[in-house]
Protein backbone atom coordinates (compact mmCIF):
# COMPACT_ATOMS: atom_id res chain seq x y z
CA MET A 1 16.58 13.95 4.07
CA SER A 2 17.71 10.33 4.45
CA VAL A 3 19.02 8.67 1.27
CA ARG A 4 18.07 5.20 2.72
CA THR A 5 14.31 5.70 2.62
CA LEU A 6 13.43 4.43 -0.78
CA PRO A 7 14.02 0.71 -0.34
CA LEU A 8 11.77 0.57 2.79
CA VAL A 9 9.21 2.67 1.11
CA PHE A 10 9.08 0.39 -2.04
CA ILE A 11 9.06 -2.89 -0.01
CA ASN A 12 6.37 -1.75 2.34
CA LEU A 13 4.12 -0.26 -0.36
CA GLY A 14 4.75 -3.37 -2.59
CA GLY A 15 3.75 -5.57 0.33
CA GLU A 16 0.55 -3.77 0.92
CA MET A 17 -0.21 -3.95 -2.78
CA LEU A 18 0.37 -7.82 -2.69
CA TYR A 19 -1.91 -8.09 0.36
CA ILE A 20 -4.82 -6.33 -1.46
CA LEU A 21 -4.44 -8.24 -4.71
CA ASP A 22 -4.05 -11.66 -2.90
CA GLN A 23 -7.29 -11.02 -0.93
CA ARG A 24 -9.21 -10.08 -3.96
CA LEU A 25 -7.95 -13.05 -5.94
CA ARG A 26 -8.86 -15.44 -3.13
CA ALA A 27 -12.31 -13.86 -2.78
CA HIS A 28 -12.95 -14.44 -6.52
CA ASN A 29 -11.73 -17.92 -6.64
CA THR A 30 -15.32 -19.20 -6.61
CA SER A 31 -18.62 -17.49 -7.55
CA GLU A 32 -20.55 -15.62 -4.84
CA ASP A 33 -22.73 -18.68 -3.95
CA ASN A 34 -19.73 -21.01 -4.17
CA SER A 35 -21.67 -23.07 -6.68
CA GLU A 36 -19.09 -22.85 -9.48
CA LYS A 37 -15.52 -21.78 -10.30
CA GLY A 38 -14.92 -18.08 -10.02
CA VAL A 39 -13.14 -15.74 -12.45
CA TRP A 40 -9.68 -16.38 -10.78
CA SER A 41 -8.41 -19.79 -10.21
CA GLU A 42 -5.84 -20.67 -7.55
CA VAL A 43 -3.24 -21.31 -10.35
CA ASP A 44 -4.03 -17.80 -11.52
CA ARG A 45 -3.46 -16.27 -8.09
CA LYS A 46 -0.14 -18.08 -7.56
CA ARG A 47 0.94 -16.98 -11.08
CA VAL A 48 0.24 -13.33 -10.28
CA MET A 49 1.99 -13.42 -6.97
CA ASN A 50 5.10 -15.13 -8.41
CA ASP A 51 5.25 -12.67 -11.30
CA ILE A 52 5.00 -9.56 -9.18
CA VAL A 53 7.24 -10.86 -6.42
CA GLY A 54 9.84 -12.10 -8.96
CA THR A 55 10.03 -8.68 -10.59
CA MET A 56 9.92 -6.82 -7.23
CA PHE A 57 12.92 -8.88 -5.79
CA SER A 58 14.95 -9.37 -8.84
CA LYS A 59 18.65 -8.89 -8.26
CA ASN A 60 19.47 -6.05 -10.65
CA PHE A 61 16.35 -4.17 -9.57
CA MET A 62 17.08 -4.36 -5.90
CA ASP A 63 20.80 -3.46 -6.40
CA GLU A 64 19.73 -0.24 -8.08
CA LEU A 65 17.01 0.37 -5.49
CA LEU A 66 19.52 0.03 -2.46
CA LYS A 67 21.88 2.63 -3.86
CA PRO A 68 21.89 5.75 -1.65
CA GLN A 69 19.40 8.24 -3.35
CA GLN A 70 16.62 10.69 -2.58
CA LEU A 71 13.04 9.51 -2.12
CA TYR A 72 10.86 9.75 -5.20
CA SER A 73 7.70 11.78 -5.55
CA HIS A 74 4.27 10.25 -5.23
CA ARG A 75 3.84 10.45 -8.91
CA THR A 76 7.15 8.56 -9.70
CA MET A 77 6.42 6.01 -6.99
CA LYS A 78 2.96 5.35 -8.32
CA THR A 79 4.36 4.83 -11.82
CA VAL A 80 6.95 2.37 -10.51
CA LEU A 81 4.30 0.37 -8.66
CA THR A 82 1.98 0.41 -11.64
CA ARG A 83 4.73 -1.10 -13.83
CA LEU A 84 5.26 -3.58 -11.01
CA ALA A 85 1.52 -4.59 -10.96
CA HIS A 86 1.43 -4.92 -14.66
CA THR A 87 4.26 -7.46 -14.87
CA SER A 88 1.46 -9.97 -14.21
CA ILE A 89 -1.56 -10.83 -16.38
CA MET A 90 -3.64 -8.02 -14.62
CA ARG A 91 -4.27 -4.48 -16.01
CA LEU A 92 -5.68 -1.81 -13.85
CA ASN A 93 -6.94 1.43 -15.30
CA PRO A 94 -5.53 4.77 -14.01
CA ALA A 95 -8.51 5.41 -11.78
CA SER A 96 -8.35 1.96 -10.12
CA MET A 97 -4.59 2.24 -9.68
CA ASP A 98 -5.07 5.60 -8.00
CA ARG A 99 -7.43 4.10 -5.44
CA LEU A 100 -5.14 1.13 -4.94
CA TYR A 101 -2.19 3.47 -4.32
CA GLU A 102 -4.07 5.42 -1.76
CA LEU A 103 -4.95 2.34 0.13
CA MET A 104 -1.24 1.33 0.20
CA ILE A 105 -0.10 4.75 1.28
CA MET A 106 -2.59 5.16 4.05
CA ALA A 107 -1.93 1.69 5.43
CA PHE A 108 1.84 2.26 5.57
CA LYS A 109 1.44 5.78 7.02
CA TYR A 110 -0.68 4.34 9.86
CA GLN A 111 1.99 1.84 10.56
CA VAL A 112 4.64 4.48 10.66
CA PHE A 113 2.54 6.63 13.07
CA LEU A 114 2.24 3.59 15.44
CA CYS A 115 5.88 2.69 15.22
CA PRO A 116 7.26 2.83 18.84
CA ARG A 117 10.74 3.87 17.91
CA PRO A 118 12.49 4.80 14.61
CA LYS A 119 14.40 1.47 14.54
CA ASP A 120 11.26 -0.53 14.58
CA LEU A 121 10.48 0.63 11.03
CA LEU A 122 12.70 -2.40 10.19
CA LEU A 123 10.35 -4.71 11.95
CA ILE A 124 7.45 -3.36 9.81
CA SER A 125 9.45 -3.99 6.68
CA TYR A 126 10.45 -7.58 7.91
CA ASN A 127 6.75 -8.44 8.63
CA HIS A 128 5.93 -7.49 4.94
CA ILE A 129 8.85 -9.49 3.75
CA ASP A 130 7.90 -12.50 5.90
CA THR A 131 4.39 -12.35 4.49
CA ILE A 132 5.48 -12.05 0.90
CA ARG A 133 7.80 -15.06 1.53
CA GLU A 134 4.68 -17.08 2.38
CA PHE A 135 3.08 -16.00 -0.88
CA VAL A 136 5.72 -17.61 -2.93
CA LYS A 137 6.91 -20.47 -0.63
CA ASP A 138 6.06 -23.13 -3.39
CA THR A 139 8.31 -21.47 -5.91
CA PRO A 140 11.94 -21.96 -4.82
CA VAL A 141 13.52 -19.52 -7.32
CA VAL A 142 11.36 -16.62 -6.27
CA LEU A 143 11.64 -17.54 -2.51
CA ASN A 144 15.40 -17.51 -2.92
CA GLN A 145 15.11 -13.92 -4.41
CA VAL A 146 13.19 -12.83 -1.36
CA ASP A 147 15.72 -14.35 1.07
CA GLU A 148 18.61 -12.77 -0.73
CA THR A 149 17.03 -9.31 -0.69
CA HIS A 150 16.26 -9.68 2.98
CA ARG A 151 19.85 -10.37 3.71
CA LYS A 152 20.86 -7.25 1.82
CA ILE A 153 18.38 -5.16 3.71
CA ILE A 154 19.80 -6.50 7.11
CA GLU A 155 23.35 -5.71 5.88
CA VAL A 156 22.50 -2.16 4.85
CA TYR A 157 20.31 -1.12 7.69
CA SER A 158 21.77 -3.03 10.67
CA SER A 159 24.75 -0.50 10.89
CA LEU A 160 22.65 2.61 10.91
CA SER A 161 22.67 4.72 14.09
CA GLU A 162 19.69 5.81 16.00
CA GLY A 163 19.98 9.29 14.62
CA GLU A 164 20.00 7.89 11.06
CA PHE A 165 16.78 5.95 11.83
CA GLN A 166 15.21 9.19 13.17
CA LEU A 167 16.15 10.96 10.00
CA LEU A 168 14.61 8.15 8.04
CA ARG A 169 11.34 8.43 9.96
CA GLN A 170 11.19 12.11 9.43
CA THR A 171 11.74 11.65 5.65
CA LEU A 172 8.81 9.24 5.79
CA LEU A 173 6.65 11.66 7.66
CA ILE A 174 7.39 14.36 5.06
CA PHE A 175 6.56 11.96 2.29
CA PHE A 176 3.07 11.24 3.96
CA GLN A 177 2.25 14.68 5.23
CA ASP A 178 -0.15 15.79 2.52
CA MET A 179 -2.00 12.40 2.25
CA HIS A 180 -5.19 12.43 4.23
CA VAL A 181 -7.37 9.99 2.36
CA ARG A 182 -10.24 8.41 4.31
CA VAL A 183 -10.14 4.58 4.46
CA SER A 184 -13.48 3.05 5.61
CA LEU A 185 -11.71 0.29 7.71
CA PHE A 186 -9.93 2.94 9.63
CA LEU A 187 -13.11 4.97 10.08
CA LYS A 188 -15.05 1.94 11.21
CA ASN A 189 -12.36 1.09 13.80
CA ARG A 190 -12.37 4.75 14.85
CA VAL A 191 -8.55 5.18 14.26
CA GLN A 192 -9.24 7.86 11.63
CA ASN A 193 -11.19 11.01 11.80
CA PRO A 194 -13.69 12.09 9.10
CA ASN A 195 -11.05 14.71 7.96
CA GLY A 196 -8.66 11.87 7.10
CA ARG A 197 -6.32 12.30 9.93
CA PHE A 198 -5.49 9.50 12.26
CA ALA A 199 -6.61 9.42 15.92
CA LEU A 200 -3.58 8.11 17.91
CA SER A 201 -4.09 6.59 21.31
CA THR A 202 -2.23 7.74 24.46
CA SER A 203 -2.18 4.31 25.98
CA GLY A 204 -0.38 1.00 25.54
CA PRO A 205 3.21 -0.28 25.99
CA VAL A 206 6.03 2.09 25.80
CA PRO A 207 9.01 1.56 23.31
CA HIS A 208 11.60 -0.98 24.24
CA GLY A 209 14.24 0.31 26.62
CA ILE A 210 12.00 3.26 27.84
CA ASP A 211 10.57 3.65 31.29
CA VAL A 212 6.79 4.13 31.92
CA PRO A 213 6.23 7.87 32.26
CA GLY A 214 4.69 9.40 35.33
CA LEU A 215 7.69 9.57 37.78
CA ILE A 216 10.24 12.36 38.37
CA ARG A 217 13.34 11.41 40.24
CA THR A 218 15.73 14.00 41.66
CA PHE A 219 19.43 13.28 42.31
CA ASP A 220 22.17 15.22 44.19
CA CYS A 221 25.58 16.27 42.81
CA LYS A 222 26.91 12.73 43.82
CA GLY A 223 24.34 10.99 41.69
CA LYS A 224 22.29 9.71 44.71
CA GLU A 225 18.57 9.76 44.44
CA VAL A 226 17.07 12.27 47.01
CA SER A 227 13.31 12.43 46.07
CA ARG A 228 10.57 11.19 43.89
CA ALA A 229 7.46 12.86 42.54
CA GLU A 230 4.63 11.60 40.48
CA PHE A 231 2.73 13.35 37.77
CA PRO A 232 -0.36 12.60 35.67
CA THR A 233 0.54 11.26 32.10
CA GLY A 234 -2.77 11.75 30.45
CA GLY A 235 -2.72 8.14 29.29
CA CYS A 236 -2.47 4.53 30.49
CA TYR A 237 0.99 3.30 29.71
CA THR A 238 2.42 -0.12 30.30
CA SER A 239 5.88 -1.68 30.50
CA PRO A 240 7.51 -2.48 27.09
CA ILE A 241 7.14 -5.87 25.61
CA ARG A 242 10.08 -7.79 24.54
CA GLU A 243 12.10 -6.58 21.54
CA GLY A 244 11.36 -8.11 18.13
CA SER A 245 13.90 -10.11 16.13
CA PHE A 246 15.93 -8.19 13.54
CA LEU A 247 17.32 -11.45 11.99
CA LEU A 248 16.34 -13.15 8.75
CA HIS A 249 13.82 -15.34 10.58
CA GLY A 250 12.36 -14.81 14.07
CA ASP A 251 9.51 -13.48 16.10
CA ARG A 252 9.01 -9.78 15.21
CA VAL A 253 6.61 -9.24 18.21
CA SER A 254 5.08 -6.27 16.47
CA ALA A 255 1.96 -6.71 14.37
CA LEU A 256 2.60 -3.62 12.34
CA GLY A 257 3.04 -4.58 8.63
CA LEU A 258 1.11 -7.84 8.89
CA ASN A 259 -1.75 -8.55 6.37
CA MET A 260 -4.82 -6.89 7.74
CA TYR A 261 -6.99 -8.18 5.02
CA THR A 262 -6.94 -11.69 6.31
CA VAL A 263 -9.43 -10.61 8.98
CA ASN A 264 -11.18 -7.58 7.53
CA HIS A 265 -12.51 -8.08 3.98
CA LEU A 266 -11.43 -5.54 1.25
CA GLU A 267 -15.20 -4.72 0.68
CA GLU A 268 -14.83 -2.67 3.96
CA THR A 269 -11.47 -1.16 3.10
CA HIS A 270 -11.71 1.66 0.49
CA THR A 271 -10.65 5.17 0.01
CA SER A 272 -12.43 8.52 -0.38
CA LYS A 273 -11.08 11.96 -0.79
CA THR A 274 -11.54 14.47 2.15
CA PRO A 275 -14.51 16.76 1.32
CA THR A 276 -13.79 20.34 0.50
CA VAL A 277 -16.81 21.60 2.49
CA LYS A 278 -17.13 21.38 6.22
CA GLN A 279 -19.17 18.43 7.37
CA GLN A 280 -20.50 17.45 10.67
CA ALA A 281 -18.22 15.05 12.63
CA ASP A 282 -19.80 11.69 11.93
CA ASP A 283 -17.93 8.37 12.25
CA THR A 284 -20.32 6.67 9.84
CA PRO A 285 -19.20 6.89 6.15
CA ASN A 286 -21.64 8.24 3.57
CA LEU A 287 -23.60 5.24 2.24
CA LEU A 288 -23.37 6.34 -1.30
CA ALA A 289 -19.69 6.85 -1.10
CA LYS A 290 -19.26 3.41 0.48
CA GLU A 291 -21.34 1.93 -2.31
CA GLU A 292 -19.22 3.53 -5.02
CA LEU A 293 -16.02 2.47 -3.22
CA ASN A 294 -17.25 -1.18 -2.78
CA LEU A 295 -17.51 -1.25 -6.58
CA LEU A 296 -13.86 -0.54 -6.85
CA ALA A 297 -13.11 -3.72 -4.78
CA ARG A 298 -15.34 -5.83 -6.92
CA LEU A 299 -13.70 -4.36 -10.08
CA MET A 300 -10.26 -5.32 -8.77
CA GLY A 301 -11.36 -8.89 -8.60
CA SER A 302 -13.44 -9.16 -11.70
CA MET A 303 -10.61 -9.34 -14.26
CA LYS A 304 -11.17 -12.73 -15.68
CA ALA A 305 -8.17 -14.92 -16.10
CA GLU A 306 -8.27 -17.83 -18.63
CA ASN A 307 -5.91 -20.26 -20.19
CA MET A 308 -3.88 -17.86 -22.22
CA PRO A 309 -2.97 -18.65 -25.92
CA LYS A 310 0.34 -17.65 -27.45
CA ALA A 311 -0.50 -14.00 -27.48
CA GLU A 312 -1.92 -13.58 -23.89
CA THR A 313 -5.01 -11.58 -23.42
CA VAL A 314 -4.96 -9.00 -20.65
CA PHE A 315 -7.96 -7.24 -18.99
CA ARG A 316 -8.44 -3.54 -18.31
CA ILE A 317 -11.17 -2.13 -16.08
CA ASN A 318 -13.15 1.11 -16.71
CA LEU A 319 -14.32 2.63 -13.48
CA PHE A 320 -15.65 6.04 -14.64
CA THR A 321 -17.03 7.17 -17.88
CA THR A 322 -13.98 9.37 -18.52
CA ASP A 323 -11.92 6.12 -18.42
CA ARG A 324 -14.10 4.67 -21.34
CA GLU A 325 -13.49 7.85 -23.41
CA GLU A 326 -9.71 7.44 -22.91
CA GLU A 327 -9.99 3.80 -23.76
CA GLU A 328 -11.72 4.37 -26.89
CA GLU A 329 -9.10 6.91 -27.94
CA GLU A 330 -6.38 4.35 -27.29
CA GLU A 331 -8.20 1.63 -29.36
CA GLU A 332 -8.62 4.08 -32.32
CA GLU A 333 -4.83 4.84 -32.15
CA GLN A 334 -4.12 1.11 -32.16
CA ALA A 335 -6.47 0.44 -35.13
CA ARG A 336 -4.78 3.19 -37.13
CA ALA A 337 -1.36 1.82 -36.26
CA SER A 338 -2.33 -1.66 -37.33
CA GLY A 339 -4.16 -0.51 -40.43
CA GLY A 340 -7.49 -1.63 -38.85
CA ALA A 341 -6.69 -5.29 -39.39
CA GLY A 342 -5.92 -6.32 -35.95
CA GLN A 343 -8.12 -6.46 -32.75
CA SER A 344 -7.42 -4.46 -29.59
CA LEU A 345 -4.93 -5.78 -27.18
CA TYR A 346 -7.38 -5.31 -24.38
CA GLU A 347 -10.73 -6.67 -23.62
CA VAL A 348 -12.66 -3.73 -21.88
CA ILE A 349 -15.14 -4.42 -19.17
CA ASN A 350 -17.54 -1.46 -18.83
CA ILE A 351 -19.33 -1.09 -15.45
CA GLN A 352 -22.41 1.04 -15.04
CA ALA A 353 -22.38 2.23 -11.35
CA MET A 354 -25.23 4.67 -11.56
CA GLN A 355 -28.64 3.14 -10.76
CA ASP A 356 -30.98 6.21 -10.61
CA GLU A 357 -31.00 9.97 -11.11
CA GLN A 358 -30.27 10.71 -7.36
CA ALA A 359 -27.51 8.17 -7.12
CA ALA A 360 -26.04 9.48 -10.40
CA THR A 361 -25.86 13.00 -9.03
CA GLU A 362 -24.23 11.87 -5.73
CA LEU A 363 -21.79 9.60 -7.32
CA ALA A 364 -20.76 12.28 -9.85
CA LEU A 365 -19.92 14.49 -6.87
CA ILE A 366 -17.85 11.79 -5.37
CA ALA A 367 -16.02 11.23 -8.66
CA GLY A 368 -15.30 14.88 -8.71
CA GLN A 369 -13.80 14.66 -5.31
CA PHE A 370 -11.50 11.95 -6.57
CA ALA A 371 -10.55 14.08 -9.54
CA LYS A 372 -9.62 17.09 -7.47
CA GLY A 373 -6.76 14.97 -5.87
CA GLU A 374 -4.92 14.60 -9.20
CA GLU A 375 -1.21 15.14 -8.88
CA LYS A 376 0.54 18.29 -10.27
CA PRO A 377 3.04 17.80 -13.13
CA GLU A 378 6.49 17.06 -11.71
CA ASN A 379 9.34 19.63 -11.95
CA SER A 380 12.77 19.19 -13.33
CA GLU A 381 13.27 16.15 -11.24
CA SER A 382 10.56 14.28 -13.12
CA ASN A 383 13.18 11.85 -14.56
CA LYS A 384 13.61 10.27 -11.11
CA GLY A 385 12.99 6.65 -11.32
CA ASP A 386 13.63 6.35 -15.04
CA ASP A 387 16.53 3.91 -14.47
CA LEU A 388 14.25 1.66 -12.35
CA LEU A 389 11.42 1.93 -14.85
CA ALA A 390 13.73 1.03 -17.77
CA MET A 391 15.09 -1.84 -15.78
CA MET A 392 11.53 -3.21 -15.00
CA ASP A 393 10.81 -3.11 -18.74
CA ASP A 394 13.75 -5.45 -19.33
CA LEU A 395 12.48 -7.99 -16.72
């Protein structure tokens, strides 16, 4: 496995997380009828972006990340990204973070699948970095951190051979191989099957430096072409487009890694576990499942941000009833620790998603499907990422 995979995974998943959070904060900048100020102001949005990006691209953190090392497990990677998200004023409960992580993973997996050649993985990463740079363009200190990290990425990866990039791609595919979460946006665009696997096209431009398939040329011992024969390719391939820029700034050409939520609203981009029973092949997602998943998108934007006093208030979201029970246990522990004198650190927003008995039954089944995807406990390598987590606590 490649020991240079971790930085690209972290940057690309972090970029996808920022895309989703930015879209939700913008969507809730005003009320639904645009008649009054929403729960998140533009100042709040910029503060969240600056806090997360500032931590994500801090010098010490990136220096540790860029050291040659094995790729983390999904459990450890999710823990690191959760710490990253919570460096801002937001707080997501575990269920919401699980759904967010699945969106991030499936988006990056799709980009890797469509990547024309292994080296173009850098272009996907550079597209993420370029967009993140736009998020913090009004904050020179954070912007400088992004530029400095980008220079380090170019320095580390520009010297890799084609074989090393291929090994890096294979490591990513192994990392993604058990993730088959359905995303409604992909289902709607017919790029994902109901079983969670992607439907890849056999048409389009070939990778840069590659000839269009369909022609067999025969040469003699002197290297002179003596005959040609054509064969059906099973697709409609075209000549490659120009190569994207691998410099600090430039035209990346590829659209992979750009913010897809600027066109498609997050209300139409949610995740659902692959069903355990066989279903008929239907490209239309279950309506109850879509309703339950739409709730997630609204919850992610419903964490009210106010002018914080000295001891800032943060907000946590309860998505399922099990989350509420866990929350109550945490509050009881906090009360005992403080002697019952202080108030809870978190203001809890409880959401009732079940409207009638039939919907309650259906949504309970869906919640059960989500619960079945819970990760197994880690093995002896569970301490992976501890250094990064400790470093994030100090930031």
